[in-house]
Amino acid sequence: QAPGKERDFVASISRSGGTTYYADSVKGRFTIS
């Protein structure tokens, strides 16, 4: 959440770790583990 903006999704990971999702703005740069 940036100042004055809504809280935005960045990344998520499944219970097994086998499925991950990323916001388009961070794909290729951020990794969730």
PDB file of all heavy atoms in Angstrom:
ATOM      1  N   GLN A   1       0.838  -1.185   0.000  1.00  0.00           N
ATOM      2  CA  GLN A   1       0.000   0.000   0.000  1.00  0.00           C
ATOM      3  C   GLN A   1       0.878   1.241   0.000  1.00  0.00           C
ATOM      4  O   GLN A   1       1.642   1.473   0.941  1.00  0.00           O
ATOM      5  CB  GLN A   1      -0.935   0.009   1.204  1.00  0.00           C
ATOM      6  CG  GLN A   1      -1.963   1.125   1.179  1.00  0.00           C
ATOM      7  CD  GLN A   1      -3.043   0.920   2.225  1.00  0.00           C
ATOM      8  OE1 GLN A   1      -2.858   0.209   3.205  1.00  0.00           O
ATOM      9  NE2 GLN A   1      -4.190   1.538   2.007  1.00  0.00           N
ATOM     10  N   ALA A   2       0.760   2.024  -1.056  1.00  0.00           N
ATOM     11  CA  ALA A   2       1.465   3.292  -1.162  1.00  0.00           C
ATOM     12  C   ALA A   2       0.607   4.390  -0.542  1.00  0.00           C
ATOM     13  O   ALA A   2      -0.614   4.253  -0.443  1.00  0.00           O
ATOM     14  CB  ALA A   2       1.768   3.608  -2.619  1.00  0.00           C
ATOM     15  N   PRO A   3       1.210   5.506  -0.129  1.00  0.00           N
ATOM     16  CA  PRO A   3       0.442   6.597   0.473  1.00  0.00           C
ATOM     17  C   PRO A   3      -0.690   7.070  -0.430  1.00  0.00           C
ATOM     18  O   PRO A   3      -0.485   7.321  -1.617  1.00  0.00           O
ATOM     19  CB  PRO A   3       1.483   7.696   0.668  1.00  0.00           C
ATOM     20  CG  PRO A   3       2.767   6.960   0.804  1.00  0.00           C
ATOM     21  CD  PRO A   3       2.648   5.787  -0.134  1.00  0.00           C
ATOM     22  N   GLY A   4      -1.886   7.160   0.133  1.00  0.00           N
ATOM     23  CA  GLY A   4      -3.037   7.639  -0.603  1.00  0.00           C
ATOM     24  C   GLY A   4      -3.645   6.650  -1.572  1.00  0.00           C
ATOM     25  O   GLY A   4      -4.565   7.006  -2.318  1.00  0.00           O
ATOM     26  N   LYS A   5      -3.158   5.410  -1.582  1.00  0.00           N
ATOM     27  CA  LYS A   5      -3.661   4.409  -2.507  1.00  0.00           C
ATOM     28  C   LYS A   5      -4.230   3.204  -1.762  1.00  0.00           C
ATOM     29  O   LYS A   5      -4.001   3.024  -0.570  1.00  0.00           O
ATOM     30  CB  LYS A   5      -2.555   3.958  -3.458  1.00  0.00           C
ATOM     31  CG  LYS A   5      -2.028   5.062  -4.364  1.00  0.00           C
ATOM     32  CD  LYS A   5      -1.013   4.535  -5.350  1.00  0.00           C
ATOM     33  CE  LYS A   5      -0.525   5.627  -6.283  1.00  0.00           C
ATOM     34  NZ  LYS A   5       0.475   5.101  -7.255  1.00  0.00           N
ATOM     35  N   GLU A   6      -4.964   2.377  -2.489  1.00  0.00           N
ATOM     36  CA  GLU A   6      -5.532   1.168  -1.924  1.00  0.00           C
ATOM     37  C   GLU A   6      -4.463   0.099  -1.735  1.00  0.00           C
ATOM     38  O   GLU A   6      -3.399   0.150  -2.349  1.00  0.00           O
ATOM     39  CB  GLU A   6      -6.642   0.627  -2.826  1.00  0.00           C
ATOM     40  CG  GLU A   6      -7.837   1.535  -2.969  1.00  0.00           C
ATOM     41  CD  GLU A   6      -8.917   0.936  -3.839  1.00  0.00           C
ATOM     42  OE1 GLU A   6      -8.640  -0.053  -4.540  1.00  0.00           O
ATOM     43  OE2 GLU A   6     -10.042   1.455  -3.820  1.00  0.00           O
ATOM     44  N   ARG A   7      -4.771  -0.853  -0.875  1.00  0.00           N
ATOM     45  CA  ARG A   7      -3.884  -1.983  -0.685  1.00  0.00           C
ATOM     46  C   ARG A   7      -3.983  -2.919  -1.888  1.00  0.00           C
ATOM     47  O   ARG A   7      -5.070  -3.393  -2.226  1.00  0.00           O
ATOM     48  CB  ARG A   7      -4.249  -2.723   0.602  1.00  0.00           C
ATOM     49  CG  ARG A   7      -3.261  -3.803   0.994  1.00  0.00           C
ATOM     50  CD  ARG A   7      -3.513  -4.285   2.418  1.00  0.00           C
ATOM     51  NE  ARG A   7      -3.345  -3.209   3.383  1.00  0.00           N
ATOM     52  CZ  ARG A   7      -3.394  -3.376   4.700  1.00  0.00           C
ATOM     53  NH1 ARG A   7      -3.602  -4.582   5.209  1.00  0.00           N
ATOM     54  NH2 ARG A   7      -3.246  -2.331   5.505  1.00  0.00           N
ATOM     55  N   ASP A   8      -2.859  -3.181  -2.533  1.00  0.00           N
ATOM     56  CA  ASP A   8      -2.830  -3.937  -3.775  1.00  0.00           C
ATOM     57  C   ASP A   8      -2.156  -5.290  -3.596  1.00  0.00           C
ATOM     58  O   ASP A   8      -1.189  -5.435  -2.847  1.00  0.00           O
ATOM     59  CB  ASP A   8      -2.085  -3.168  -4.870  1.00  0.00           C
ATOM     60  CG  ASP A   8      -2.829  -1.940  -5.344  1.00  0.00           C
ATOM     61  OD1 ASP A   8      -4.075  -1.936  -5.300  1.00  0.00           O
ATOM     62  OD2 ASP A   8      -2.170  -0.977  -5.782  1.00  0.00           O
ATOM     63  N   PHE A   9      -2.658  -6.252  -4.334  1.00  0.00           N
ATOM     64  CA  PHE A   9      -2.075  -7.584  -4.368  1.00  0.00           C
ATOM     65  C   PHE A   9      -0.707  -7.560  -5.015  1.00  0.00           C
ATOM     66  O   PHE A   9      -0.491  -6.889  -6.020  1.00  0.00           O
ATOM     67  CB  PHE A   9      -3.010  -8.510  -5.152  1.00  0.00           C
ATOM     68  CG  PHE A   9      -2.442  -9.869  -5.433  1.00  0.00           C
ATOM     69  CD1 PHE A   9      -2.434 -10.845  -4.456  1.00  0.00           C
ATOM     70  CD2 PHE A   9      -1.923 -10.167  -6.679  1.00  0.00           C
ATOM     71  CE1 PHE A   9      -1.922 -12.106  -4.710  1.00  0.00           C
ATOM     72  CE2 PHE A   9      -1.410 -11.418  -6.951  1.00  0.00           C
ATOM     73  CZ  PHE A   9      -1.409 -12.388  -5.955  1.00  0.00           C
ATOM     74  N   VAL A  10       0.224  -8.321  -4.445  1.00  0.00           N
ATOM     75  CA  VAL A  10       1.562  -8.458  -4.999  1.00  0.00           C
ATOM     76  C   VAL A  10       1.823  -9.885  -5.456  1.00  0.00           C
ATOM     77  O   VAL A  10       2.196 -10.129  -6.603  1.00  0.00           O
ATOM     78  CB  VAL A  10       2.642  -8.033  -3.991  1.00  0.00           C
ATOM     79  CG1 VAL A  10       4.038  -8.284  -4.560  1.00  0.00           C
ATOM     80  CG2 VAL A  10       2.470  -6.566  -3.617  1.00  0.00           C
ATOM     81  N   ALA A  11       1.638 -10.854  -4.554  1.00  0.00           N
ATOM     82  CA  ALA A  11       1.927 -12.249  -4.870  1.00  0.00           C
ATOM     83  C   ALA A  11       1.239 -13.159  -3.871  1.00  0.00           C
ATOM     84  O   ALA A  11       0.937 -12.754  -2.745  1.00  0.00           O
ATOM     85  CB  ALA A  11       3.435 -12.510  -4.851  1.00  0.00           C
ATOM     86  N   SER A  12       0.996 -14.403  -4.268  1.00  0.00           N
ATOM     87  CA  SER A  12       0.454 -15.398  -3.355  1.00  0.00           C
ATOM     88  C   SER A  12       1.019 -16.769  -3.702  1.00  0.00           C
ATOM     89  O   SER A  12       1.507 -16.991  -4.814  1.00  0.00           O
ATOM     90  CB  SER A  12      -1.078 -15.417  -3.377  1.00  0.00           C
ATOM     91  OG  SER A  12      -1.573 -15.719  -4.668  1.00  0.00           O
ATOM     92  N   ILE A  13       0.936 -17.689  -2.743  1.00  0.00           N
ATOM     93  CA  ILE A  13       1.482 -19.025  -2.916  1.00  0.00           C
ATOM     94  C   ILE A  13       0.554 -20.033  -2.258  1.00  0.00           C
ATOM     95  O   ILE A  13       0.018 -19.795  -1.175  1.00  0.00           O
ATOM     96  CB  ILE A  13       2.920 -19.103  -2.343  1.00  0.00           C
ATOM     97  CG1 ILE A  13       3.567 -20.451  -2.666  1.00  0.00           C
ATOM     98  CG2 ILE A  13       2.929 -18.822  -0.844  1.00  0.00           C
ATOM     99  CD1 ILE A  13       5.073 -20.461  -2.407  1.00  0.00           C
ATOM    100  N   SER A  14       0.368 -21.165  -2.918  1.00  0.00           N
ATOM    101  CA  SER A  14      -0.536 -22.193  -2.418  1.00  0.00           C
ATOM    102  C   SER A  14       0.058 -22.933  -1.240  1.00  0.00           C
ATOM    103  O   SER A  14       1.247 -22.824  -0.934  1.00  0.00           O
ATOM    104  CB  SER A  14      -0.870 -23.178  -3.538  1.00  0.00           C
ATOM    105  OG  SER A  14       0.277 -23.910  -3.929  1.00  0.00           O
ATOM    106  N   ARG A  15      -0.770 -23.732  -0.588  1.00  0.00           N
ATOM    107  CA  ARG A  15      -0.331 -24.477   0.591  1.00  0.00           C
ATOM    108  C   ARG A  15       0.807 -25.428   0.296  1.00  0.00           C
ATOM    109  O   ARG A  15       1.647 -25.672   1.166  1.00  0.00           O
ATOM    110  CB  ARG A  15      -1.514 -25.227   1.199  1.00  0.00           C
ATOM    111  CG  ARG A  15      -2.069 -26.340   0.323  1.00  0.00           C
ATOM    112  CD  ARG A  15      -3.325 -26.934   0.929  1.00  0.00           C
ATOM    113  NE  ARG A  15      -4.451 -26.014   0.840  1.00  0.00           N
ATOM    114  CZ  ARG A  15      -5.654 -26.263   1.325  1.00  0.00           C
ATOM    115  NH1 ARG A  15      -5.899 -27.414   1.945  1.00  0.00           N
ATOM    116  NH2 ARG A  15      -6.617 -25.371   1.195  1.00  0.00           N
ATOM    117  N   SER A  16       0.845 -25.968  -0.913  1.00  0.00           N
ATOM    118  CA  SER A  16       1.908 -26.884  -1.299  1.00  0.00           C
ATOM    119  C   SER A  16       3.124 -26.162  -1.864  1.00  0.00           C
ATOM    120  O   SER A  16       4.193 -26.770  -2.014  1.00  0.00           O
ATOM    121  CB  SER A  16       1.393 -27.874  -2.338  1.00  0.00           C
ATOM    122  OG  SER A  16       1.089 -27.223  -3.557  1.00  0.00           O
ATOM    123  N   GLY A  17       2.972 -24.904  -2.193  1.00  0.00           N
ATOM    124  CA  GLY A  17       4.030 -24.153  -2.840  1.00  0.00           C
ATOM    125  C   GLY A  17       4.082 -24.347  -4.341  1.00  0.00           C
ATOM    126  O   GLY A  17       4.909 -23.725  -5.013  1.00  0.00           O
ATOM    127  N   GLY A  18       3.203 -25.191  -4.872  1.00  0.00           N
ATOM    128  CA  GLY A  18       3.241 -25.520  -6.277  1.00  0.00           C
ATOM    129  C   GLY A  18       2.569 -24.522  -7.191  1.00  0.00           C
ATOM    130  O   GLY A  18       2.770 -24.568  -8.405  1.00  0.00           O
ATOM    131  N   THR A  19       1.769 -23.643  -6.629  1.00  0.00           N
ATOM    132  CA  THR A  19       1.065 -22.634  -7.414  1.00  0.00           C
ATOM    133  C   THR A  19       1.377 -21.257  -6.865  1.00  0.00           C
ATOM    134  O   THR A  19       1.266 -21.032  -5.658  1.00  0.00           O
ATOM    135  CB  THR A  19      -0.450 -22.869  -7.383  1.00  0.00           C
ATOM    136  OG1 THR A  19      -0.748 -24.167  -7.890  1.00  0.00           O
ATOM    137  CG2 THR A  19      -1.169 -21.830  -8.233  1.00  0.00           C
ATOM    138  N   THR A  20       1.765 -20.353  -7.734  1.00  0.00           N
ATOM    139  CA  THR A  20       2.035 -18.973  -7.344  1.00  0.00           C
ATOM    140  C   THR A  20       1.346 -18.018  -8.304  1.00  0.00           C
ATOM    141  O   THR A  20       1.132 -18.334  -9.474  1.00  0.00           O
ATOM    142  CB  THR A  20       3.537 -18.660  -7.318  1.00  0.00           C
ATOM    143  OG1 THR A  20       4.105 -18.935  -8.611  1.00  0.00           O
ATOM    144  CG2 THR A  20       4.248 -19.507  -6.272  1.00  0.00           C
ATOM    145  N   TYR A  21       1.004 -16.846  -7.789  1.00  0.00           N
ATOM    146  CA  TYR A  21       0.410 -15.792  -8.591  1.00  0.00           C
ATOM    147  C   TYR A  21       1.140 -14.491  -8.308  1.00  0.00           C
ATOM    148  O   TYR A  21       1.566 -14.233  -7.176  1.00  0.00           O
ATOM    149  CB  TYR A  21      -1.076 -15.633  -8.269  1.00  0.00           C
ATOM    150  CG  TYR A  21      -1.922 -16.817  -8.662  1.00  0.00           C
ATOM    151  CD1 TYR A  21      -2.316 -17.751  -7.708  1.00  0.00           C
ATOM    152  CD2 TYR A  21      -2.329 -17.000  -9.974  1.00  0.00           C
ATOM    153  CE1 TYR A  21      -3.090 -18.840  -8.059  1.00  0.00           C
ATOM    154  CE2 TYR A  21      -3.099 -18.092 -10.332  1.00  0.00           C
ATOM    155  CZ  TYR A  21      -3.482 -19.002  -9.376  1.00  0.00           C
ATOM    156  OH  TYR A  21      -4.246 -20.083  -9.725  1.00  0.00           O
ATOM    157  N   TYR A  22       1.259 -13.670  -9.340  1.00  0.00           N
ATOM    158  CA  TYR A  22       1.929 -12.384  -9.217  1.00  0.00           C
ATOM    159  C   TYR A  22       1.137 -11.298  -9.921  1.00  0.00           C
ATOM    160  O   TYR A  22       0.526 -11.535 -10.962  1.00  0.00           O
ATOM    161  CB  TYR A  22       3.326 -12.436  -9.833  1.00  0.00           C
ATOM    162  CG  TYR A  22       4.267 -13.387  -9.148  1.00  0.00           C
ATOM    163  CD1 TYR A  22       4.417 -14.693  -9.585  1.00  0.00           C
ATOM    164  CD2 TYR A  22       5.014 -12.970  -8.042  1.00  0.00           C
ATOM    165  CE1 TYR A  22       5.279 -15.568  -8.948  1.00  0.00           C
ATOM    166  CE2 TYR A  22       5.879 -13.839  -7.404  1.00  0.00           C
ATOM    167  CZ  TYR A  22       6.005 -15.141  -7.863  1.00  0.00           C
ATOM    168  OH  TYR A  22       6.861 -16.004  -7.228  1.00  0.00           O
ATOM    169  N   ALA A  23       1.176 -10.117  -9.345  1.00  0.00           N
ATOM    170  CA  ALA A  23       0.666  -8.958 -10.052  1.00  0.00           C
ATOM    171  C   ALA A  23       1.519  -8.712 -11.286  1.00  0.00           C
ATOM    172  O   ALA A  23       2.732  -8.953 -11.276  1.00  0.00           O
ATOM    173  CB  ALA A  23       0.687  -7.732  -9.149  1.00  0.00           C
ATOM    174  N   ASP A  24       0.892  -8.235 -12.355  1.00  0.00           N
ATOM    175  CA  ASP A  24       1.630  -7.989 -13.592  1.00  0.00           C
ATOM    176  C   ASP A  24       2.812  -7.048 -13.378  1.00  0.00           C
ATOM    177  O   ASP A  24       3.853  -7.187 -14.028  1.00  0.00           O
ATOM    178  CB  ASP A  24       0.701  -7.406 -14.655  1.00  0.00           C
ATOM    179  CG  ASP A  24      -0.271  -8.420 -15.213  1.00  0.00           C
ATOM    180  OD1 ASP A  24      -0.039  -9.630 -15.055  1.00  0.00           O
ATOM    181  OD2 ASP A  24      -1.275  -7.994 -15.818  1.00  0.00           O
ATOM    182  N   SER A  25       2.663  -6.117 -12.478  1.00  0.00           N
ATOM    183  CA  SER A  25       3.689  -5.112 -12.255  1.00  0.00           C
ATOM    184  C   SER A  25       4.972  -5.672 -11.647  1.00  0.00           C
ATOM    185  O   SER A  25       6.015  -5.019 -11.702  1.00  0.00           O
ATOM    186  CB  SER A  25       3.150  -3.996 -11.358  1.00  0.00           C
ATOM    187  OG  SER A  25       2.719  -4.506 -10.107  1.00  0.00           O
ATOM    188  N   VAL A  26       4.905  -6.878 -11.069  1.00  0.00           N
ATOM    189  CA  VAL A  26       6.083  -7.442 -10.410  1.00  0.00           C
ATOM    190  C   VAL A  26       6.557  -8.747 -11.035  1.00  0.00           C
ATOM    191  O   VAL A  26       7.592  -9.286 -10.610  1.00  0.00           O
ATOM    192  CB  VAL A  26       5.841  -7.654  -8.906  1.00  0.00           C
ATOM    193  CG1 VAL A  26       5.365  -6.363  -8.254  1.00  0.00           C
ATOM    194  CG2 VAL A  26       4.853  -8.786  -8.657  1.00  0.00           C
ATOM    195  N   LYS A  27       5.852  -9.259 -12.023  1.00  0.00           N
ATOM    196  CA  LYS A  27       6.245 -10.513 -12.659  1.00  0.00           C
ATOM    197  C   LYS A  27       7.657 -10.417 -13.230  1.00  0.00           C
ATOM    198  O   LYS A  27       8.012  -9.438 -13.871  1.00  0.00           O
ATOM    199  CB  LYS A  27       5.270 -10.884 -13.771  1.00  0.00           C
ATOM    200  CG  LYS A  27       3.945 -11.411 -13.285  1.00  0.00           C
ATOM    201  CD  LYS A  27       3.039 -11.784 -14.451  1.00  0.00           C
ATOM    202  CE  LYS A  27       1.711 -12.336 -13.958  1.00  0.00           C
ATOM    203  NZ  LYS A  27       0.793 -12.639 -15.080  1.00  0.00           N
ATOM    204  N   GLY A  28       8.436 -11.443 -12.968  1.00  0.00           N
ATOM    205  CA  GLY A  28       9.803 -11.469 -13.442  1.00  0.00           C
ATOM    206  C   GLY A  28      10.786 -10.783 -12.531  1.00  0.00           C
ATOM    207  O   GLY A  28      12.004 -10.919 -12.722  1.00  0.00           O
ATOM    208  N   ARG A  29      10.296 -10.034 -11.547  1.00  0.00           N
ATOM    209  CA  ARG A  29      11.158  -9.321 -10.612  1.00  0.00           C
ATOM    210  C   ARG A  29      11.032  -9.825  -9.181  1.00  0.00           C
ATOM    211  O   ARG A  29      12.014  -9.850  -8.440  1.00  0.00           O
ATOM    212  CB  ARG A  29      10.856  -7.820 -10.638  1.00  0.00           C
ATOM    213  CG  ARG A  29      11.055  -7.174 -12.002  1.00  0.00           C
ATOM    214  CD  ARG A  29      10.959  -5.653 -11.914  1.00  0.00           C
ATOM    215  NE  ARG A  29       9.632  -5.218 -11.477  1.00  0.00           N
ATOM    216  CZ  ARG A  29       9.410  -4.492 -10.381  1.00  0.00           C
ATOM    217  NH1 ARG A  29      10.417  -4.120  -9.605  1.00  0.00           N
ATOM    218  NH2 ARG A  29       8.171  -4.123 -10.071  1.00  0.00           N
ATOM    219  N   PHE A  30       9.824 -10.209  -8.783  1.00  0.00           N
ATOM    220  CA  PHE A  30       9.570 -10.660  -7.416  1.00  0.00           C
ATOM    221  C   PHE A  30       9.322 -12.164  -7.401  1.00  0.00           C
ATOM    222  O   PHE A  30       8.766 -12.728  -8.341  1.00  0.00           O
ATOM    223  CB  PHE A  30       8.335  -9.974  -6.828  1.00  0.00           C
ATOM    224  CG  PHE A  30       8.487  -8.507  -6.544  1.00  0.00           C
ATOM    225  CD1 PHE A  30       9.574  -7.778  -6.993  1.00  0.00           C
ATOM    226  CD2 PHE A  30       7.515  -7.847  -5.806  1.00  0.00           C
ATOM    227  CE1 PHE A  30       9.705  -6.423  -6.729  1.00  0.00           C
ATOM    228  CE2 PHE A  30       7.625  -6.496  -5.526  1.00  0.00           C
ATOM    229  CZ  PHE A  30       8.718  -5.782  -5.986  1.00  0.00           C
ATOM    230  N   THR A  31       9.707 -12.818  -6.307  1.00  0.00           N
ATOM    231  CA  THR A  31       9.471 -14.240  -6.126  1.00  0.00           C
ATOM    232  C   THR A  31       8.958 -14.501  -4.718  1.00  0.00           C
ATOM    233  O   THR A  31       9.590 -14.093  -3.742  1.00  0.00           O
ATOM    234  CB  THR A  31      10.744 -15.061  -6.355  1.00  0.00           C
ATOM    235  OG1 THR A  31      11.261 -14.810  -7.664  1.00  0.00           O
ATOM    236  CG2 THR A  31      10.439 -16.551  -6.223  1.00  0.00           C
ATOM    237  N   ILE A  32       7.830 -15.186  -4.619  1.00  0.00           N
ATOM    238  CA  ILE A  32       7.298 -15.577  -3.324  1.00  0.00           C
ATOM    239  C   ILE A  32       7.707 -17.021  -3.041  1.00  0.00           C
ATOM    240  O   ILE A  32       7.742 -17.859  -3.946  1.00  0.00           O
ATOM    241  CB  ILE A  32       5.765 -15.412  -3.276  1.00  0.00           C
ATOM    242  CG1 ILE A  32       5.238 -15.650  -1.860  1.00  0.00           C
ATOM    243  CG2 ILE A  32       5.073 -16.314  -4.287  1.00  0.00           C
ATOM    244  CD1 ILE A  32       3.761 -15.298  -1.699  1.00  0.00           C
ATOM    245  N   SER A  33       8.031 -17.311  -1.794  1.00  0.00           N
ATOM    246  CA  SER A  33       8.414 -18.660  -1.403  1.00  0.00           C
ATOM    247  C   SER A  33       8.009 -18.901   0.039  1.00  0.00           C
ATOM    248  O   SER A  33       7.635 -17.969   0.751  1.00  0.00           O
ATOM    249  CB  SER A  33       9.920 -18.884  -1.591  1.00  0.00           C
ATOM    250  OG  SER A  33      10.671 -18.003  -0.783  1.00  0.00           O
TER     251      SER A  33
END
